Amino acid sequence: MSVEFTKAELEAYLDEALDAERMAEVERALRSRPELLRRLAQINARRDCGVHTVGEIWRRHHVGVPTREELGSYLLGVLPKDYAAYIRFRVATLKCRYTVANLQDLQAQQQEAEAQVAARRRKYFQSSVGRLQE
């Protein structure tokens, strides 16, 4: 059974904007289906002529991808419910590579910062223990 790909998915594939699983599916299909390769070539030719779709411009310029500040607010839980739901949608449903990558990076930074704060507090406490006994 061959998997069908929409024009939007093929455009996203060319922009490397699909999630990793779907990219792998397209690559496997390209090896065995010459008509799919022709469709990609047509999309590329159209792009080279300067004809662009709204979706293509949207993906290329990352319109709709939350900023790192917005993602930071999301991690802190201070975003409005609707916008937090939008970010969850981009991560879980769309599997937006840019949103997921930024979110994971911010989570790693947050965990690193928490570890540094804990270490700093421990040093302060240990350095002041002797003075408290005086």
N, C-alpha and C. Protein backbone atom coordinates (compact mmCIF):
# COMPACT_ATOMS: atom_id res chain seq x y z
N MET A 1 0.84 -1.18 0.00
CA MET A 1 0.00 0.00 0.00
C MET A 1 0.88 1.25 0.00
N SER A 2 0.70 2.11 -0.99
CA SER A 2 1.52 3.30 -1.07
C SER A 2 0.87 4.45 -0.32
N VAL A 3 1.69 5.22 0.33
CA VAL A 3 1.22 6.36 1.11
C VAL A 3 1.11 7.56 0.17
N GLU A 4 0.03 8.29 0.26
CA GLU A 4 -0.15 9.49 -0.56
C GLU A 4 0.32 10.71 0.21
N PHE A 5 0.90 11.64 -0.52
CA PHE A 5 1.40 12.87 0.09
C PHE A 5 0.72 14.05 -0.59
N THR A 6 0.30 15.00 0.21
CA THR A 6 -0.33 16.20 -0.34
C THR A 6 0.75 17.12 -0.90
N LYS A 7 0.30 18.06 -1.71
CA LYS A 7 1.23 19.04 -2.26
C LYS A 7 1.88 19.84 -1.13
N ALA A 8 1.08 20.17 -0.13
CA ALA A 8 1.61 20.92 1.02
C ALA A 8 2.68 20.13 1.76
N GLU A 9 2.49 18.82 1.89
CA GLU A 9 3.50 17.99 2.55
C GLU A 9 4.78 17.94 1.74
N LEU A 10 4.65 17.86 0.43
CA LEU A 10 5.85 17.83 -0.42
C LEU A 10 6.59 19.16 -0.36
N GLU A 11 5.83 20.26 -0.33
CA GLU A 11 6.48 21.57 -0.19
C GLU A 11 7.18 21.68 1.16
N ALA A 12 6.53 21.18 2.20
CA ALA A 12 7.14 21.19 3.54
C ALA A 12 8.37 20.30 3.57
N TYR A 13 8.33 19.19 2.82
CA TYR A 13 9.49 18.30 2.73
C TYR A 13 10.68 19.05 2.13
N LEU A 14 10.43 19.80 1.06
CA LEU A 14 11.50 20.56 0.43
C LEU A 14 12.05 21.63 1.36
N ASP A 15 11.20 22.16 2.23
CA ASP A 15 11.63 23.18 3.20
C ASP A 15 12.18 22.57 4.48
N GLU A 16 12.19 21.23 4.55
CA GLU A 16 12.59 20.50 5.75
C GLU A 16 11.76 20.92 6.95
N ALA A 17 10.46 21.09 6.72
CA ALA A 17 9.56 21.54 7.78
C ALA A 17 8.65 20.43 8.29
N LEU A 18 8.77 19.23 7.75
CA LEU A 18 7.97 18.10 8.24
C LEU A 18 8.63 17.50 9.47
N ASP A 19 7.83 16.81 10.27
CA ASP A 19 8.44 16.11 11.41
C ASP A 19 9.28 14.95 10.87
N ALA A 20 10.20 14.47 11.67
CA ALA A 20 11.19 13.48 11.23
C ALA A 20 10.55 12.21 10.68
N GLU A 21 9.48 11.74 11.31
CA GLU A 21 8.83 10.50 10.85
C GLU A 21 8.25 10.66 9.45
N ARG A 22 7.58 11.80 9.22
CA ARG A 22 6.96 12.03 7.91
C ARG A 22 8.04 12.26 6.85
N MET A 23 9.13 12.92 7.21
CA MET A 23 10.24 13.12 6.27
C MET A 23 10.78 11.76 5.83
N ALA A 24 10.93 10.85 6.77
CA ALA A 24 11.45 9.51 6.44
C ALA A 24 10.48 8.78 5.52
N GLU A 25 9.18 8.94 5.75
CA GLU A 25 8.19 8.30 4.87
C GLU A 25 8.30 8.83 3.44
N VAL A 26 8.47 10.14 3.30
CA VAL A 26 8.61 10.73 1.97
C VAL A 26 9.87 10.20 1.30
N GLU A 27 10.97 10.15 2.04
CA GLU A 27 12.24 9.67 1.46
C GLU A 27 12.14 8.21 1.02
N ARG A 28 11.48 7.38 1.81
CA ARG A 28 11.30 5.97 1.41
C ARG A 28 10.46 5.89 0.14
N ALA A 29 9.40 6.68 0.08
CA ALA A 29 8.52 6.66 -1.09
C ALA A 29 9.24 7.18 -2.33
N LEU A 30 10.10 8.16 -2.17
CA LEU A 30 10.83 8.71 -3.31
C LEU A 30 11.72 7.67 -3.98
N ARG A 31 12.26 6.74 -3.19
CA ARG A 31 13.14 5.71 -3.74
C ARG A 31 12.39 4.75 -4.66
N SER A 32 11.11 4.55 -4.40
CA SER A 32 10.38 3.54 -5.16
C SER A 32 9.31 4.11 -6.10
N ARG A 33 9.07 5.41 -6.04
CA ARG A 33 7.98 5.98 -6.85
C ARG A 33 8.47 7.16 -7.68
N PRO A 34 8.78 6.90 -8.95
CA PRO A 34 9.28 7.98 -9.82
C PRO A 34 8.27 9.12 -10.00
N GLU A 35 6.97 8.83 -9.94
CA GLU A 35 5.97 9.90 -10.12
C GLU A 35 6.03 10.90 -8.98
N LEU A 36 6.41 10.44 -7.80
CA LEU A 36 6.56 11.34 -6.66
C LEU A 36 7.76 12.26 -6.87
N LEU A 37 8.81 11.70 -7.41
CA LEU A 37 10.00 12.50 -7.73
C LEU A 37 9.66 13.56 -8.77
N ARG A 38 8.82 13.20 -9.74
CA ARG A 38 8.39 14.18 -10.76
C ARG A 38 7.57 15.30 -10.12
N ARG A 39 6.71 14.94 -9.17
CA ARG A 39 5.92 15.97 -8.47
C ARG A 39 6.82 16.94 -7.73
N LEU A 40 7.86 16.41 -7.06
CA LEU A 40 8.80 17.29 -6.36
C LEU A 40 9.53 18.20 -7.34
N ALA A 41 9.91 17.64 -8.49
CA ALA A 41 10.60 18.43 -9.51
C ALA A 41 9.69 19.55 -10.02
N GLN A 42 8.40 19.27 -10.19
CA GLN A 42 7.45 20.30 -10.63
C GLN A 42 7.33 21.42 -9.60
N ILE A 43 7.28 21.03 -8.34
CA ILE A 43 7.18 22.03 -7.27
C ILE A 43 8.43 22.90 -7.27
N ASN A 44 9.59 22.28 -7.41
CA ASN A 44 10.85 23.04 -7.46
C ASN A 44 10.89 23.97 -8.65
N ALA A 45 10.44 23.48 -9.82
CA ALA A 45 10.43 24.30 -11.03
C ALA A 45 9.51 25.51 -10.84
N ARG A 46 8.35 25.29 -10.23
CA ARG A 46 7.42 26.38 -9.97
C ARG A 46 8.06 27.42 -9.05
N ARG A 47 8.77 26.94 -8.04
CA ARG A 47 9.45 27.86 -7.12
C ARG A 47 10.53 28.65 -7.83
N ASP A 48 11.27 27.98 -8.70
CA ASP A 48 12.34 28.66 -9.43
C ASP A 48 11.81 29.75 -10.34
N CYS A 49 10.56 29.60 -10.80
CA CYS A 49 9.92 30.61 -11.66
C CYS A 49 9.40 31.78 -10.83
N GLY A 50 9.44 31.67 -9.53
CA GLY A 50 8.98 32.75 -8.66
C GLY A 50 7.52 32.66 -8.26
N VAL A 51 6.87 31.53 -8.55
CA VAL A 51 5.48 31.35 -8.16
C VAL A 51 5.45 30.69 -6.79
N HIS A 52 4.82 31.36 -5.83
CA HIS A 52 4.79 30.84 -4.47
C HIS A 52 3.36 30.80 -3.95
N THR A 53 3.07 29.83 -3.12
CA THR A 53 1.75 29.74 -2.49
C THR A 53 1.79 30.43 -1.13
N VAL A 54 0.63 30.74 -0.61
CA VAL A 54 0.55 31.36 0.72
C VAL A 54 1.14 30.42 1.77
N GLY A 55 0.81 29.13 1.66
CA GLY A 55 1.34 28.15 2.61
C GLY A 55 2.86 28.07 2.57
N GLU A 56 3.39 28.16 1.37
CA GLU A 56 4.85 28.10 1.20
C GLU A 56 5.52 29.30 1.86
N ILE A 57 4.95 30.48 1.64
CA ILE A 57 5.49 31.70 2.25
C ILE A 57 5.36 31.60 3.77
N TRP A 58 4.23 31.09 4.23
CA TRP A 58 3.97 30.92 5.66
C TRP A 58 5.05 30.04 6.29
N ARG A 59 5.34 28.90 5.63
CA ARG A 59 6.35 27.97 6.16
C ARG A 59 7.75 28.54 6.06
N ARG A 60 8.07 29.14 4.93
CA ARG A 60 9.42 29.63 4.71
C ARG A 60 9.80 30.73 5.69
N HIS A 61 8.84 31.58 6.03
CA HIS A 61 9.13 32.70 6.94
C HIS A 61 8.73 32.40 8.38
N HIS A 62 8.36 31.15 8.63
CA HIS A 62 8.03 30.68 9.98
C HIS A 62 6.93 31.52 10.63
N VAL A 63 5.97 31.93 9.81
CA VAL A 63 4.82 32.66 10.34
C VAL A 63 4.04 31.70 11.23
N GLY A 64 3.70 32.14 12.39
CA GLY A 64 2.94 31.29 13.31
C GLY A 64 3.80 30.54 14.30
N VAL A 65 5.12 30.54 14.10
CA VAL A 65 6.01 29.88 15.05
C VAL A 65 6.17 30.82 16.25
N PRO A 66 5.84 30.36 17.44
CA PRO A 66 5.96 31.22 18.62
C PRO A 66 7.42 31.64 18.85
N THR A 67 7.58 32.86 19.36
CA THR A 67 8.93 33.34 19.67
C THR A 67 9.45 32.61 20.91
N ARG A 68 10.74 32.73 21.14
CA ARG A 68 11.33 32.10 22.32
C ARG A 68 10.76 32.72 23.60
N GLU A 69 10.45 34.01 23.55
CA GLU A 69 9.86 34.67 24.71
C GLU A 69 8.49 34.07 25.01
N GLU A 70 7.70 33.85 23.96
CA GLU A 70 6.38 33.26 24.14
C GLU A 70 6.50 31.82 24.66
N LEU A 71 7.47 31.08 24.14
CA LEU A 71 7.67 29.71 24.61
C LEU A 71 8.14 29.70 26.06
N GLY A 72 8.97 30.67 26.43
CA GLY A 72 9.39 30.79 27.82
C GLY A 72 8.21 31.06 28.74
N SER A 73 7.32 31.93 28.30
CA SER A 73 6.10 32.21 29.07
C SER A 73 5.24 30.97 29.17
N TYR A 74 5.22 30.18 28.10
CA TYR A 74 4.47 28.92 28.10
C TYR A 74 5.03 27.98 29.16
N LEU A 75 6.36 27.86 29.22
CA LEU A 75 6.99 26.98 30.20
C LEU A 75 6.72 27.45 31.63
N LEU A 76 6.63 28.75 31.80
CA LEU A 76 6.34 29.29 33.13
C LEU A 76 4.86 29.21 33.48
N GLY A 77 4.03 28.90 32.48
CA GLY A 77 2.60 28.77 32.72
C GLY A 77 1.86 30.08 32.85
N VAL A 78 2.38 31.15 32.24
CA VAL A 78 1.75 32.46 32.38
C VAL A 78 1.04 32.94 31.10
N LEU A 79 1.00 32.10 30.08
CA LEU A 79 0.30 32.48 28.85
C LEU A 79 -1.21 32.31 29.02
N PRO A 80 -1.99 33.09 28.27
CA PRO A 80 -3.44 32.85 28.27
C PRO A 80 -3.73 31.42 27.80
N LYS A 81 -4.83 30.85 28.27
CA LYS A 81 -5.17 29.46 27.95
C LYS A 81 -5.22 29.20 26.45
N ASP A 82 -5.81 30.12 25.70
CA ASP A 82 -5.94 29.92 24.26
C ASP A 82 -4.58 29.83 23.57
N TYR A 83 -3.66 30.72 23.96
CA TYR A 83 -2.36 30.71 23.31
C TYR A 83 -1.54 29.49 23.75
N ALA A 84 -1.68 29.09 24.99
CA ALA A 84 -1.00 27.87 25.47
C ALA A 84 -1.53 26.66 24.71
N ALA A 85 -2.83 26.64 24.44
CA ALA A 85 -3.42 25.54 23.66
C ALA A 85 -2.87 25.54 22.24
N TYR A 86 -2.65 26.73 21.67
CA TYR A 86 -2.07 26.85 20.33
C TYR A 86 -0.66 26.26 20.30
N ILE A 87 0.13 26.54 21.32
CA ILE A 87 1.49 26.00 21.37
C ILE A 87 1.44 24.48 21.51
N ARG A 88 0.56 23.97 22.35
CA ARG A 88 0.41 22.52 22.47
C ARG A 88 0.01 21.91 21.13
N PHE A 89 -0.86 22.58 20.38
CA PHE A 89 -1.29 22.12 19.06
C PHE A 89 -0.10 22.06 18.10
N ARG A 90 0.74 23.10 18.12
CA ARG A 90 1.90 23.13 17.22
C ARG A 90 2.87 21.99 17.55
N VAL A 91 3.01 21.68 18.83
CA VAL A 91 3.95 20.63 19.25
C VAL A 91 3.37 19.24 19.02
N ALA A 92 2.15 19.00 19.50
CA ALA A 92 1.58 17.65 19.47
C ALA A 92 0.97 17.27 18.13
N THR A 93 0.26 18.18 17.50
CA THR A 93 -0.45 17.85 16.27
C THR A 93 0.36 18.17 15.03
N LEU A 94 0.83 19.42 14.93
CA LEU A 94 1.62 19.80 13.75
C LEU A 94 3.03 19.23 13.79
N LYS A 95 3.52 18.99 15.00
CA LYS A 95 4.89 18.53 15.21
C LYS A 95 5.88 19.47 14.52
N CYS A 96 5.64 20.77 14.71
CA CYS A 96 6.48 21.81 14.11
C CYS A 96 7.90 21.67 14.63
N ARG A 97 8.83 21.41 13.73
CA ARG A 97 10.21 21.18 14.14
C ARG A 97 10.82 22.38 14.83
N TYR A 98 10.47 23.58 14.37
CA TYR A 98 11.04 24.80 14.95
C TYR A 98 10.51 25.03 16.36
N THR A 99 9.22 24.84 16.53
CA THR A 99 8.62 25.02 17.85
C THR A 99 9.15 23.98 18.83
N VAL A 100 9.20 22.73 18.40
CA VAL A 100 9.69 21.65 19.26
C VAL A 100 11.15 21.90 19.64
N ALA A 101 11.98 22.28 18.67
CA ALA A 101 13.40 22.50 18.94
C ALA A 101 13.60 23.65 19.93
N ASN A 102 12.90 24.76 19.71
CA ASN A 102 13.02 25.89 20.63
C ASN A 102 12.52 25.54 22.02
N LEU A 103 11.42 24.81 22.08
CA LEU A 103 10.86 24.42 23.38
C LEU A 103 11.82 23.50 24.13
N GLN A 104 12.40 22.53 23.45
CA GLN A 104 13.35 21.62 24.09
C GLN A 104 14.60 22.37 24.55
N ASP A 105 15.06 23.32 23.75
CA ASP A 105 16.23 24.11 24.13
C ASP A 105 15.94 24.94 25.38
N LEU A 106 14.78 25.57 25.41
CA LEU A 106 14.42 26.37 26.59
C LEU A 106 14.24 25.50 27.83
N GLN A 107 13.68 24.31 27.66
CA GLN A 107 13.53 23.39 28.80
C GLN A 107 14.90 22.99 29.34
N ALA A 108 15.84 22.72 28.44
CA ALA A 108 17.20 22.34 28.86
C ALA A 108 17.86 23.50 29.60
N GLN A 109 17.69 24.72 29.09
CA GLN A 109 18.26 25.90 29.75
C GLN A 109 17.64 26.09 31.13
N GLN A 110 16.34 25.87 31.22
CA GLN A 110 15.64 26.03 32.49
C GLN A 110 16.15 25.02 33.51
N GLN A 111 16.33 23.77 33.10
CA GLN A 111 16.83 22.74 34.01
C GLN A 111 18.26 23.05 34.44
N GLU A 112 19.07 23.53 33.50
CA GLU A 112 20.45 23.89 33.81
C GLU A 112 20.48 25.04 34.81
N ALA A 113 19.63 26.03 34.61
CA ALA A 113 19.58 27.18 35.51
C ALA A 113 19.13 26.74 36.91
N GLU A 114 18.16 25.84 36.98
CA GLU A 114 17.70 25.35 38.28
C GLU A 114 18.82 24.63 39.02
N ALA A 115 19.62 23.86 38.29
CA ALA A 115 20.74 23.15 38.91
C ALA A 115 21.78 24.14 39.43
N GLN A 116 22.03 25.21 38.67
CA GLN A 116 23.00 26.22 39.10
C GLN A 116 22.51 26.96 40.34
N VAL A 117 21.23 27.27 40.39
CA VAL A 117 20.66 27.96 41.55
C VAL A 117 20.78 27.07 42.79
N ALA A 118 20.50 25.80 42.65
CA ALA A 118 20.60 24.87 43.79
C ALA A 118 22.04 24.78 44.28
N ALA A 119 22.99 24.72 43.36
CA ALA A 119 24.41 24.65 43.74
C ALA A 119 24.83 25.95 44.45
N ARG A 120 24.38 27.09 43.94
CA ARG A 120 24.73 28.37 44.54
C ARG A 120 24.15 28.47 45.95
N ARG A 121 22.92 28.05 46.15
CA ARG A 121 22.30 28.08 47.48
C ARG A 121 23.06 27.19 48.46
N ARG A 122 23.47 26.03 47.97
CA ARG A 122 24.21 25.10 48.82
C ARG A 122 25.54 25.74 49.25
N LYS A 123 26.23 26.41 48.34
CA LYS A 123 27.49 27.07 48.67
C LYS A 123 27.27 28.17 49.70
N TYR A 124 26.23 28.99 49.50
CA TYR A 124 25.92 30.06 50.46
C TYR A 124 25.66 29.48 51.84
N PHE A 125 24.87 28.43 51.87
CA PHE A 125 24.53 27.81 53.15
C PHE A 125 25.78 27.26 53.82
N GLN A 126 26.60 26.54 53.06
CA GLN A 126 27.80 25.93 53.64
C GLN A 126 28.79 26.99 54.09
N SER A 127 28.88 28.10 53.38
CA SER A 127 29.83 29.14 53.78
C SER A 127 29.35 29.92 55.00
N SER A 128 28.06 29.91 55.25
CA SER A 128 27.55 30.67 56.39
C SER A 128 27.27 29.80 57.62
N VAL A 129 27.43 28.49 57.53
CA VAL A 129 27.15 27.61 58.66
C VAL A 129 28.06 27.94 59.84
N GLY A 130 29.33 28.16 59.60
CA GLY A 130 30.27 28.46 60.68
C GLY A 130 29.94 29.78 61.35
N ARG A 131 29.48 30.74 60.63
CA ARG A 131 29.15 32.05 61.19
C ARG A 131 27.89 32.00 62.04
N LEU A 132 26.99 31.10 61.68
CA LEU A 132 25.75 30.99 62.46
C LEU A 132 26.03 30.42 63.85
N GLN A 133 27.09 29.62 63.98
CA GLN A 133 27.41 29.00 65.26
C GLN A 133 28.16 29.96 66.18
N GLU A 134 28.69 31.03 65.67
CA GLU A 134 29.47 31.98 66.49
C GLU A 134 28.66 32.78 67.42
